[in-house]
Amino acid sequence: MDAQSAALIGAGLAAIGAGMAALGVGNVFGSFLESALRNPSAADSQQGRLFIGFAAAELLGLLSFLIAILLYLKA
């Protein structure tokens, strides 16, 4: 296997992280909605944590996408 093939395989594997980020964002918002429906009075105080969780999941997805693009351009 040459270096170009390995870089393309690595780019494909790194791109899986972008899909996992979508699952993470869905999990964050689903958990917030579930907790907000159980205790509506506490939903306002938890909204900041919701956005922090969203940002963390989205950041990891963007980083994996960036790594995939860099590996693809290297090949």
Protein backbone atom coordinates (compact mmCIF):
# COMPACT_ATOMS: atom_id res chain seq x y z
CA MET A 1 0.00 0.00 0.00
CA ASP A 2 1.45 3.35 -0.99
CA ALA A 3 1.25 6.60 0.96
CA GLN A 4 -1.52 8.05 -1.21
CA SER A 5 -3.82 5.09 -0.56
CA ALA A 6 -3.13 5.24 3.16
CA ALA A 7 -3.90 8.98 3.23
CA LEU A 8 -7.21 8.46 1.44
CA ILE A 9 -8.20 5.63 3.78
CA GLY A 10 -7.26 7.82 6.75
CA ALA A 11 -9.35 10.69 5.34
CA GLY A 12 -12.34 8.40 5.02
CA LEU A 13 -11.95 7.18 8.57
CA ALA A 14 -11.57 10.74 9.87
CA ALA A 15 -14.75 11.77 8.05
CA ILE A 16 -16.69 9.28 10.20
CA GLY A 17 -16.18 11.73 13.08
CA ALA A 18 -18.39 14.30 11.34
CA GLY A 19 -21.27 11.83 11.39
CA MET A 20 -20.62 11.00 15.01
CA ALA A 21 -20.81 14.71 15.83
CA ALA A 22 -24.32 14.78 14.41
CA LEU A 23 -25.26 11.95 16.74
CA GLY A 24 -23.68 13.81 19.65
CA VAL A 25 -25.62 16.99 18.92
CA GLY A 26 -28.85 15.02 18.70
CA ASN A 27 -28.07 13.34 22.00
CA VAL A 28 -27.38 16.69 23.70
CA PHE A 29 -30.61 18.28 22.52
CA GLY A 30 -32.64 15.13 23.18
CA SER A 31 -31.39 14.93 26.75
CA PHE A 32 -32.12 18.62 27.31
CA LEU A 33 -35.64 18.27 25.95
CA GLU A 34 -36.28 15.23 28.12
CA SER A 35 -35.07 17.01 31.24
CA ALA A 36 -36.98 20.20 30.37
CA LEU A 37 -40.20 18.23 30.04
CA ARG A 38 -39.64 16.53 33.38
CA ASN A 39 -38.79 19.74 35.26
CA PRO A 40 -39.76 22.86 33.28
CA SER A 41 -38.75 25.26 36.05
CA ALA A 42 -35.10 24.11 35.84
CA ALA A 43 -34.89 24.35 32.04
CA ASP A 44 -33.82 28.00 32.03
CA SER A 45 -30.86 27.37 34.30
CA GLN A 46 -29.64 24.47 32.15
CA GLN A 47 -29.75 26.29 28.83
CA GLY A 48 -26.13 27.45 29.12
CA ARG A 49 -24.96 23.87 29.55
CA LEU A 50 -27.01 22.93 26.51
CA PHE A 51 -25.07 25.36 24.33
CA ILE A 52 -21.72 24.27 25.80
CA GLY A 53 -22.53 20.64 24.98
CA PHE A 54 -23.63 21.62 21.49
CA ALA A 55 -20.44 23.60 20.92
CA ALA A 56 -18.22 20.77 22.18
CA ALA A 57 -19.88 18.17 19.96
CA GLU A 58 -19.80 20.46 16.95
CA LEU A 59 -16.15 21.35 17.54
CA LEU A 60 -15.12 17.70 17.51
CA GLY A 61 -17.04 17.19 14.28
CA LEU A 62 -15.38 20.18 12.65
CA LEU A 63 -11.93 19.03 13.78
CA SER A 64 -12.46 15.56 12.32
CA PHE A 65 -13.70 17.14 9.08
CA LEU A 66 -10.61 19.38 8.97
CA ILE A 67 -8.32 16.40 9.48
CA ALA A 68 -10.13 14.51 6.70
CA ILE A 69 -9.72 17.44 4.31
CA LEU A 70 -6.03 17.84 5.18
CA LEU A 71 -5.38 14.14 4.63
CA TYR A 72 -7.28 14.24 1.35
CA LEU A 73 -5.29 17.22 0.09
CA LYS A 74 -2.03 15.52 1.11
CA ALA A 75 -2.83 12.50 -1.06
